[in-house]
């Protein structure tokens, strides 16, 4: 009977390190689907113009860590989105939401209608008014926390896109 060859210790250590690296990579990849903060929604106007909303205060849980962040009113640094007056906006959330509410800077509640079953896309109909600015606030509740966002919609008169 021939003796079975023994692997050198450095080979065993190298194989163990490789296995640990692969396992760590798999764990990191599995957790990659959960962002470290609520993703900023993208708001799309009729005609295709789009902007990413400014992020305001939020609370978020990721893994074993939770974080709450307070900010200034996000409308202070919100981008401007041109949209035809009285049009419908599409809001792409980037992460499933349990509830999305929308309101104007004047406190007028707007309906956020979900599109599909994935709870990632919503439609918001702008108030019927003439050209002018609407400060739009979005508040999202997620399975991992909540987030507050804002965007300035510049309504264009006469249906111009």
N, C-alpha and C. Protein backbone atom coordinates (compact mmCIF):
# COMPACT_ATOMS: atom_id res chain seq x y z
N UNK A 1 0.83 -1.17 0.00
CA UNK A 1 0.00 0.00 0.00
C UNK A 1 0.88 1.24 0.00
N UNK A 2 0.56 2.12 -0.91
CA UNK A 2 1.36 3.35 -1.00
C UNK A 2 0.80 4.39 -0.06
N UNK A 3 1.65 5.16 0.59
CA UNK A 3 1.13 6.23 1.46
C UNK A 3 0.52 7.35 0.62
N UNK A 4 -0.57 7.87 1.11
CA UNK A 4 -1.26 8.97 0.41
C UNK A 4 -0.40 10.24 0.53
N UNK A 5 -0.23 10.98 -0.57
CA UNK A 5 0.61 12.19 -0.49
C UNK A 5 -0.08 13.26 0.38
N UNK A 6 0.69 13.92 1.17
CA UNK A 6 0.22 15.00 2.04
C UNK A 6 0.35 16.34 1.32
N UNK A 7 -0.69 17.19 1.48
CA UNK A 7 -0.62 18.52 0.90
C UNK A 7 0.23 19.41 1.81
N UNK A 8 1.06 20.25 1.23
CA UNK A 8 1.85 21.16 2.05
C UNK A 8 0.93 22.13 2.79
N UNK A 9 1.34 22.59 3.95
CA UNK A 9 0.55 23.47 4.79
C UNK A 9 0.18 24.77 4.07
N UNK A 10 1.10 25.35 3.30
CA UNK A 10 0.79 26.60 2.60
C UNK A 10 -0.30 26.41 1.55
N UNK A 11 -0.40 25.21 0.96
CA UNK A 11 -1.47 24.93 -0.01
C UNK A 11 -2.82 24.86 0.70
N UNK A 12 -2.85 24.22 1.86
CA UNK A 12 -4.08 24.13 2.64
C UNK A 12 -4.55 25.52 3.06
N UNK A 13 -3.62 26.36 3.53
CA UNK A 13 -3.96 27.73 3.95
C UNK A 13 -4.47 28.53 2.75
N UNK A 14 -3.84 28.38 1.60
CA UNK A 14 -4.26 29.11 0.40
C UNK A 14 -5.68 28.70 -0.01
N UNK A 15 -5.98 27.41 0.04
CA UNK A 15 -7.32 26.94 -0.31
C UNK A 15 -8.36 27.47 0.67
N UNK A 16 -8.05 27.45 1.96
CA UNK A 16 -8.97 27.99 2.97
C UNK A 16 -9.21 29.48 2.76
N UNK A 17 -8.17 30.24 2.47
CA UNK A 17 -8.32 31.68 2.21
C UNK A 17 -9.20 31.91 0.98
N UNK A 18 -9.01 31.11 -0.05
CA UNK A 18 -9.82 31.23 -1.25
C UNK A 18 -11.29 30.94 -0.95
N UNK A 19 -11.55 29.89 -0.18
CA UNK A 19 -12.93 29.56 0.20
C UNK A 19 -13.56 30.68 1.02
N UNK A 20 -12.82 31.26 1.96
CA UNK A 20 -13.34 32.37 2.75
C UNK A 20 -13.62 33.59 1.88
N UNK A 21 -12.76 33.87 0.92
CA UNK A 21 -12.97 35.01 0.03
C UNK A 21 -14.22 34.81 -0.81
N UNK A 22 -14.42 33.61 -1.33
CA UNK A 22 -15.62 33.32 -2.13
C UNK A 22 -16.87 33.45 -1.27
N UNK A 23 -16.84 32.91 -0.06
CA UNK A 23 -17.99 33.00 0.84
C UNK A 23 -18.28 34.46 1.17
N UNK A 24 -17.26 35.25 1.45
CA UNK A 24 -17.45 36.67 1.75
C UNK A 24 -18.02 37.42 0.56
N UNK A 25 -17.57 37.07 -0.63
CA UNK A 25 -18.09 37.70 -1.84
C UNK A 25 -19.56 37.38 -2.03
N UNK A 26 -19.95 36.13 -1.77
CA UNK A 26 -21.35 35.75 -1.91
C UNK A 26 -22.23 36.49 -0.91
N UNK A 27 -21.75 36.65 0.32
CA UNK A 27 -22.51 37.38 1.33
C UNK A 27 -22.63 38.85 0.93
N UNK A 28 -21.55 39.44 0.45
CA UNK A 28 -21.59 40.85 0.03
C UNK A 28 -22.53 41.03 -1.15
N UNK A 29 -22.51 40.09 -2.10
CA UNK A 29 -23.39 40.19 -3.26
C UNK A 29 -24.85 40.05 -2.85
N UNK A 30 -25.13 39.15 -1.91
CA UNK A 30 -26.51 38.96 -1.46
C UNK A 30 -27.03 40.22 -0.80
N UNK A 31 -26.18 40.95 -0.06
CA UNK A 31 -26.60 42.18 0.61
C UNK A 31 -26.59 43.40 -0.30
N UNK A 32 -26.05 43.26 -1.51
CA UNK A 32 -25.92 44.41 -2.40
C UNK A 32 -27.27 44.94 -2.87
N UNK A 33 -28.32 44.13 -2.81
CA UNK A 33 -29.63 44.55 -3.27
C UNK A 33 -30.26 45.57 -2.33
N UNK A 34 -29.76 45.65 -1.10
CA UNK A 34 -30.28 46.60 -0.13
C UNK A 34 -29.36 47.81 -0.07
N UNK A 35 -29.85 48.97 -0.50
CA UNK A 35 -29.00 50.17 -0.46
C UNK A 35 -28.74 50.61 0.97
N UNK A 36 -27.71 51.43 1.16
CA UNK A 36 -27.36 51.90 2.50
C UNK A 36 -28.21 53.10 2.92
N UNK A 37 -29.01 53.64 2.03
CA UNK A 37 -29.94 54.74 2.31
C UNK A 37 -31.06 54.63 1.29
N UNK A 38 -32.21 55.27 1.54
CA UNK A 38 -33.27 55.19 0.53
C UNK A 38 -32.81 55.82 -0.78
N UNK A 39 -32.97 55.11 -1.90
CA UNK A 39 -32.55 55.68 -3.17
C UNK A 39 -33.39 56.90 -3.55
N UNK A 40 -32.74 57.89 -4.15
CA UNK A 40 -33.46 59.09 -4.57
C UNK A 40 -34.32 58.76 -5.78
N UNK A 41 -35.62 59.08 -5.73
CA UNK A 41 -36.49 58.79 -6.86
C UNK A 41 -36.15 59.63 -8.08
N UNK A 42 -36.45 59.08 -9.25
CA UNK A 42 -36.33 59.81 -10.50
C UNK A 42 -37.75 60.18 -10.92
N UNK A 43 -37.97 61.47 -11.21
CA UNK A 43 -39.29 61.95 -11.60
C UNK A 43 -39.23 62.27 -13.09
N UNK A 44 -40.18 61.68 -13.84
CA UNK A 44 -40.22 61.82 -15.30
C UNK A 44 -41.50 62.56 -15.68
N UNK A 45 -41.34 63.62 -16.47
CA UNK A 45 -42.49 64.42 -16.93
C UNK A 45 -42.98 63.90 -18.27
N UNK A 46 -44.23 64.26 -18.62
CA UNK A 46 -44.71 63.98 -19.98
C UNK A 46 -43.71 64.60 -20.95
N UNK A 47 -43.36 63.88 -21.97
CA UNK A 47 -42.38 64.38 -22.93
C UNK A 47 -40.98 63.86 -22.66
N UNK A 48 -40.75 63.22 -21.49
CA UNK A 48 -39.48 62.57 -21.23
C UNK A 48 -38.47 63.30 -20.37
N UNK A 49 -38.66 64.59 -20.09
CA UNK A 49 -37.70 65.26 -19.21
C UNK A 49 -37.72 64.55 -17.85
N UNK A 50 -36.56 64.40 -17.23
CA UNK A 50 -36.50 63.72 -15.94
C UNK A 50 -35.39 64.31 -15.07
N UNK A 51 -35.60 64.22 -13.76
CA UNK A 51 -34.63 64.70 -12.78
C UNK A 51 -34.68 63.77 -11.57
N UNK A 52 -33.56 63.68 -10.89
CA UNK A 52 -33.52 62.92 -9.64
C UNK A 52 -33.88 63.88 -8.51
N UNK A 53 -34.85 63.48 -7.68
CA UNK A 53 -35.32 64.34 -6.59
C UNK A 53 -34.23 64.54 -5.55
N UNK A 54 -34.29 65.67 -4.86
CA UNK A 54 -33.36 65.95 -3.76
C UNK A 54 -33.78 65.12 -2.55
N UNK A 55 -32.79 64.62 -1.83
CA UNK A 55 -33.08 63.80 -0.66
C UNK A 55 -33.09 64.66 0.59
N UNK A 56 -34.14 64.47 1.38
CA UNK A 56 -34.26 65.15 2.66
C UNK A 56 -33.98 64.17 3.79
N UNK A 57 -34.58 64.40 4.92
CA UNK A 57 -34.37 63.56 6.10
C UNK A 57 -34.84 62.13 5.82
N UNK A 58 -34.17 61.18 6.48
CA UNK A 58 -34.57 59.78 6.33
C UNK A 58 -34.10 58.96 7.52
N UNK A 59 -34.72 57.81 7.69
CA UNK A 59 -34.26 56.77 8.61
C UNK A 59 -34.17 55.49 7.79
N UNK A 60 -33.11 54.70 8.01
CA UNK A 60 -32.89 53.53 7.18
C UNK A 60 -32.16 52.46 7.98
N UNK A 61 -32.54 51.22 7.77
CA UNK A 61 -31.91 50.08 8.41
C UNK A 61 -31.28 49.22 7.32
N UNK A 62 -30.02 48.87 7.50
CA UNK A 62 -29.32 48.02 6.54
C UNK A 62 -28.47 47.05 7.34
N UNK A 63 -28.77 45.76 7.21
CA UNK A 63 -28.05 44.77 8.01
C UNK A 63 -28.39 44.95 9.48
N UNK A 64 -27.37 45.01 10.31
CA UNK A 64 -27.57 45.20 11.75
C UNK A 64 -27.43 46.65 12.17
N UNK A 65 -27.45 47.57 11.21
CA UNK A 65 -27.23 48.98 11.52
C UNK A 65 -28.44 49.81 11.10
N UNK A 66 -28.74 50.81 11.88
CA UNK A 66 -29.78 51.76 11.54
C UNK A 66 -29.23 53.17 11.60
N UNK A 67 -29.80 54.07 10.82
CA UNK A 67 -29.30 55.44 10.77
C UNK A 67 -30.46 56.38 10.49
N UNK A 68 -30.53 57.47 11.22
CA UNK A 68 -31.48 58.54 10.93
C UNK A 68 -30.67 59.79 10.62
N UNK A 69 -31.04 60.47 9.53
CA UNK A 69 -30.33 61.66 9.08
C UNK A 69 -31.34 62.80 8.93
N UNK A 70 -31.04 63.95 9.53
CA UNK A 70 -31.87 65.14 9.37
C UNK A 70 -31.18 66.10 8.42
N UNK A 71 -31.96 66.69 7.52
CA UNK A 71 -31.40 67.64 6.56
C UNK A 71 -32.22 68.92 6.56
N UNK A 72 -31.74 69.90 5.81
CA UNK A 72 -32.54 71.08 5.54
C UNK A 72 -33.74 70.67 4.70
N UNK A 73 -34.68 71.57 4.52
CA UNK A 73 -35.80 71.32 3.62
C UNK A 73 -35.23 70.99 2.25
N UNK A 74 -35.50 69.79 1.70
CA UNK A 74 -34.88 69.41 0.43
C UNK A 74 -35.27 70.29 -0.75
N UNK A 75 -36.32 71.08 -0.63
CA UNK A 75 -36.71 71.97 -1.73
C UNK A 75 -35.63 73.04 -1.95
N UNK A 76 -34.84 73.31 -0.91
CA UNK A 76 -33.78 74.33 -1.01
C UNK A 76 -32.72 73.96 -2.05
N UNK A 77 -32.51 72.67 -2.27
CA UNK A 77 -31.50 72.25 -3.25
C UNK A 77 -32.09 71.29 -4.29
N UNK A 78 -33.42 71.35 -4.45
CA UNK A 78 -34.10 70.46 -5.41
C UNK A 78 -33.89 70.93 -6.84
N UNK A 79 -33.75 69.99 -7.76
CA UNK A 79 -33.63 70.35 -9.18
C UNK A 79 -34.97 70.80 -9.75
N UNK A 80 -34.90 71.51 -10.87
CA UNK A 80 -36.11 71.96 -11.56
C UNK A 80 -36.43 71.01 -12.71
N UNK A 81 -37.70 70.63 -12.80
CA UNK A 81 -38.15 69.73 -13.84
C UNK A 81 -39.21 70.43 -14.68
N UNK A 82 -38.94 70.66 -15.97
CA UNK A 82 -39.97 71.26 -16.84
C UNK A 82 -41.03 70.23 -17.18
N UNK A 83 -42.31 70.64 -17.10
CA UNK A 83 -43.42 69.73 -17.40
C UNK A 83 -44.59 70.54 -17.94
N UNK A 84 -45.33 70.00 -18.89
CA UNK A 84 -46.54 70.68 -19.37
C UNK A 84 -47.53 70.87 -18.22
N UNK A 85 -48.19 72.01 -18.18
CA UNK A 85 -49.16 72.30 -17.12
C UNK A 85 -50.24 71.23 -17.09
N UNK A 86 -50.57 70.77 -15.88
CA UNK A 86 -51.62 69.78 -15.70
C UNK A 86 -51.28 68.39 -16.17
N UNK A 87 -50.01 68.10 -16.40
CA UNK A 87 -49.62 66.79 -16.91
C UNK A 87 -49.46 65.77 -15.77
N UNK A 88 -49.09 64.57 -16.15
CA UNK A 88 -48.88 63.49 -15.19
C UNK A 88 -47.39 63.19 -15.10
N UNK A 89 -46.90 63.06 -13.88
CA UNK A 89 -45.51 62.70 -13.64
C UNK A 89 -45.43 61.21 -13.33
N UNK A 90 -44.34 60.58 -13.74
CA UNK A 90 -44.05 59.21 -13.34
C UNK A 90 -42.89 59.26 -12.36
N UNK A 91 -43.04 58.59 -11.23
CA UNK A 91 -42.00 58.57 -10.20
C UNK A 91 -41.46 57.15 -10.12
N UNK A 92 -40.15 57.01 -10.38
CA UNK A 92 -39.47 55.71 -10.28
C UNK A 92 -38.70 55.71 -8.97
N UNK A 93 -39.07 54.81 -8.06
CA UNK A 93 -38.52 54.82 -6.71
C UNK A 93 -37.17 54.11 -6.56
N UNK A 94 -36.88 53.12 -7.36
CA UNK A 94 -35.59 52.44 -7.27
C UNK A 94 -35.52 51.37 -6.20
N UNK A 95 -36.52 51.31 -5.31
CA UNK A 95 -36.59 50.29 -4.26
C UNK A 95 -38.07 50.19 -3.89
N UNK A 96 -38.59 48.99 -3.66
CA UNK A 96 -40.03 48.86 -3.38
C UNK A 96 -40.46 49.70 -2.17
N UNK A 97 -41.57 50.36 -2.30
CA UNK A 97 -42.11 51.16 -1.19
C UNK A 97 -43.41 50.53 -0.70
N UNK A 98 -43.67 50.71 0.57
CA UNK A 98 -44.93 50.25 1.15
C UNK A 98 -46.01 51.30 0.96
N UNK A 99 -45.58 52.58 0.97
CA UNK A 99 -46.53 53.68 0.80
C UNK A 99 -45.78 54.90 0.27
N UNK A 100 -46.39 55.62 -0.67
CA UNK A 100 -45.83 56.86 -1.18
C UNK A 100 -46.91 57.93 -1.11
N UNK A 101 -46.58 59.05 -0.49
CA UNK A 101 -47.51 60.17 -0.48
C UNK A 101 -46.83 61.36 -1.14
N UNK A 102 -47.65 62.20 -1.76
CA UNK A 102 -47.15 63.37 -2.48
C UNK A 102 -47.97 64.59 -2.07
N UNK A 103 -47.29 65.72 -1.97
CA UNK A 103 -48.00 66.97 -1.65
C UNK A 103 -47.24 68.14 -2.26
N UNK A 104 -47.95 69.24 -2.40
CA UNK A 104 -47.34 70.47 -2.91
C UNK A 104 -46.80 71.27 -1.74
N UNK A 105 -46.01 72.27 -2.04
CA UNK A 105 -45.49 73.16 -1.00
C UNK A 105 -46.59 73.93 -0.29
N UNK A 106 -47.76 73.98 -0.89
CA UNK A 106 -48.92 74.65 -0.28
C UNK A 106 -49.73 73.69 0.58
N UNK A 107 -49.29 72.45 0.72
CA UNK A 107 -49.97 71.48 1.55
C UNK A 107 -51.07 70.71 0.85
N UNK A 108 -51.21 70.85 -0.46
CA UNK A 108 -52.24 70.14 -1.21
C UNK A 108 -51.78 68.69 -1.45
N UNK A 109 -52.58 67.73 -1.00
CA UNK A 109 -52.26 66.32 -1.19
C UNK A 109 -52.53 65.92 -2.64
N UNK A 110 -51.62 65.15 -3.22
CA UNK A 110 -51.78 64.64 -4.58
C UNK A 110 -51.78 63.11 -4.52
N UNK A 111 -52.60 62.48 -5.35
CA UNK A 111 -52.67 61.03 -5.38
C UNK A 111 -51.43 60.46 -6.06
N UNK A 112 -50.79 59.48 -5.41
CA UNK A 112 -49.68 58.73 -5.99
C UNK A 112 -50.21 57.34 -6.31
N UNK A 113 -50.48 57.10 -7.59
CA UNK A 113 -51.11 55.86 -8.03
C UNK A 113 -50.04 54.86 -8.44
N UNK A 114 -50.00 53.68 -7.79
CA UNK A 114 -48.98 52.69 -8.16
C UNK A 114 -49.19 52.14 -9.56
N UNK A 115 -48.08 51.90 -10.25
CA UNK A 115 -48.10 51.28 -11.58
C UNK A 115 -47.51 49.89 -11.43
N UNK A 116 -48.31 48.87 -11.60
CA UNK A 116 -47.81 47.51 -11.45
C UNK A 116 -47.80 47.07 -10.00
N UNK A 117 -47.37 45.83 -9.81
CA UNK A 117 -47.41 45.23 -8.48
C UNK A 117 -46.09 45.33 -7.72
N UNK A 118 -45.05 45.83 -8.34
CA UNK A 118 -43.74 45.84 -7.70
C UNK A 118 -43.53 47.01 -6.75
N UNK A 119 -44.45 47.97 -6.74
CA UNK A 119 -44.39 49.14 -5.85
C UNK A 119 -43.10 49.94 -6.02
N UNK A 120 -42.68 50.10 -7.27
CA UNK A 120 -41.48 50.89 -7.56
C UNK A 120 -41.80 52.10 -8.45
N UNK A 121 -42.96 52.10 -9.09
CA UNK A 121 -43.34 53.17 -10.02
C UNK A 121 -44.72 53.69 -9.67
N UNK A 122 -44.85 55.03 -9.74
CA UNK A 122 -46.11 55.68 -9.40
C UNK A 122 -46.39 56.80 -10.39
N UNK A 123 -47.66 57.13 -10.54
CA UNK A 123 -48.07 58.30 -11.34
C UNK A 123 -48.67 59.34 -10.40
N UNK A 124 -48.31 60.60 -10.67
CA UNK A 124 -48.87 61.72 -9.91
C UNK A 124 -49.37 62.74 -10.91
N UNK A 125 -50.65 63.07 -10.83
CA UNK A 125 -51.23 64.07 -11.72
C UNK A 125 -51.03 65.44 -11.08
N UNK A 126 -50.44 66.35 -11.85
CA UNK A 126 -50.22 67.71 -11.36
C UNK A 126 -51.54 68.46 -11.28
N UNK A 127 -51.65 69.40 -10.35
CA UNK A 127 -52.87 70.20 -10.26
C UNK A 127 -53.11 70.97 -11.55
N UNK A 128 -54.37 71.13 -11.90
CA UNK A 128 -54.73 71.90 -13.10
C UNK A 128 -54.57 73.37 -12.78
N UNK A 129 -53.56 73.96 -13.32
CA UNK A 129 -53.32 75.39 -13.14
C UNK A 129 -52.53 75.90 -14.32
N UNK A 130 -52.39 77.19 -14.41
CA UNK A 130 -51.59 77.75 -15.49
C UNK A 130 -50.12 77.55 -15.20
N UNK A 131 -49.31 78.02 -16.09
CA UNK A 131 -47.86 77.90 -15.93
C UNK A 131 -47.43 78.46 -14.58
N UNK A 132 -46.41 77.87 -14.03
CA UNK A 132 -45.86 78.31 -12.75
C UNK A 132 -45.11 77.18 -12.08
N UNK A 133 -44.59 77.47 -10.90
CA UNK A 133 -43.78 76.48 -10.19
C UNK A 133 -44.61 75.76 -9.13
N UNK A 134 -44.39 74.46 -9.05
CA UNK A 134 -44.99 73.65 -7.99
C UNK A 134 -43.85 72.98 -7.24
N UNK A 135 -43.78 73.21 -5.94
CA UNK A 135 -42.83 72.48 -5.11
C UNK A 135 -43.49 71.16 -4.76
N UNK A 136 -42.90 70.07 -5.21
CA UNK A 136 -43.48 68.74 -5.00
C UNK A 136 -42.66 68.00 -3.96
N UNK A 137 -43.34 67.53 -2.92
CA UNK A 137 -42.71 66.75 -1.85
C UNK A 137 -43.19 65.31 -1.93
N UNK A 138 -42.29 64.37 -1.73
CA UNK A 138 -42.61 62.96 -1.71
C UNK A 138 -42.16 62.38 -0.38
N UNK A 139 -43.02 61.57 0.23
CA UNK A 139 -42.65 60.87 1.45
C UNK A 139 -42.89 59.39 1.21
N UNK A 140 -41.83 58.59 1.34
CA UNK A 140 -41.92 57.15 1.08
C UNK A 140 -41.67 56.37 2.35
N UNK A 141 -42.48 55.33 2.53
CA UNK A 141 -42.30 54.40 3.65
C UNK A 141 -41.90 53.06 3.04
N UNK A 142 -40.77 52.53 3.51
CA UNK A 142 -40.20 51.29 2.99
C UNK A 142 -40.21 50.22 4.09
N UNK A 143 -39.83 48.99 3.71
CA UNK A 143 -39.70 47.94 4.71
C UNK A 143 -38.48 48.19 5.62
N UNK A 144 -37.59 49.09 5.23
CA UNK A 144 -36.37 49.36 6.00
C UNK A 144 -36.32 50.77 6.59
N UNK A 145 -37.38 51.54 6.42
CA UNK A 145 -37.37 52.90 6.96
C UNK A 145 -38.26 53.82 6.17
N UNK A 146 -37.84 55.10 6.07
CA UNK A 146 -38.62 56.08 5.33
C UNK A 146 -37.69 57.14 4.75
N UNK A 147 -38.21 57.91 3.83
CA UNK A 147 -37.42 58.96 3.20
C UNK A 147 -38.31 60.10 2.72
N UNK A 148 -37.74 61.29 2.71
CA UNK A 148 -38.42 62.52 2.34
C UNK A 148 -37.66 63.13 1.18
N UNK A 149 -38.36 63.51 0.11
CA UNK A 149 -37.72 63.99 -1.11
C UNK A 149 -38.46 65.20 -1.65
N UNK A 150 -37.80 65.97 -2.53
CA UNK A 150 -38.46 67.13 -3.13
C UNK A 150 -37.92 67.39 -4.53
N UNK A 151 -38.78 68.02 -5.34
CA UNK A 151 -38.40 68.44 -6.68
C UNK A 151 -39.25 69.66 -7.03
N UNK A 152 -38.67 70.59 -7.78
CA UNK A 152 -39.41 71.78 -8.24
C UNK A 152 -39.88 71.53 -9.66
N UNK A 153 -41.19 71.53 -9.83
CA UNK A 153 -41.76 71.32 -11.16
C UNK A 153 -42.10 72.68 -11.75
N UNK A 154 -41.52 72.98 -12.90
CA UNK A 154 -41.80 74.23 -13.60
C UNK A 154 -42.81 73.91 -14.68
N UNK A 155 -44.07 74.25 -14.40
CA UNK A 155 -45.15 73.96 -15.34
C UNK A 155 -45.10 74.97 -16.50
N UNK A 156 -45.12 74.42 -17.69
CA UNK A 156 -45.08 75.23 -18.90
C UNK A 156 -46.50 75.38 -19.44
N UNK A 157 -46.88 76.58 -19.78
CA UNK A 157 -48.23 76.82 -20.31
C UNK A 157 -48.39 76.34 -21.74
N UNK A 158 -49.62 76.24 -22.16
CA UNK A 158 -49.99 75.89 -23.55
C UNK A 158 -49.45 74.54 -23.99
N UNK A 159 -49.20 73.61 -23.04
CA UNK A 159 -48.80 72.26 -23.41
C UNK A 159 -47.41 72.13 -23.97
N UNK A 160 -46.54 73.12 -23.78
CA UNK A 160 -45.16 73.00 -24.28
C UNK A 160 -44.40 72.02 -23.41
N UNK A 161 -43.56 71.16 -24.01
CA UNK A 161 -42.77 70.16 -23.28
C UNK A 161 -41.42 70.69 -23.08
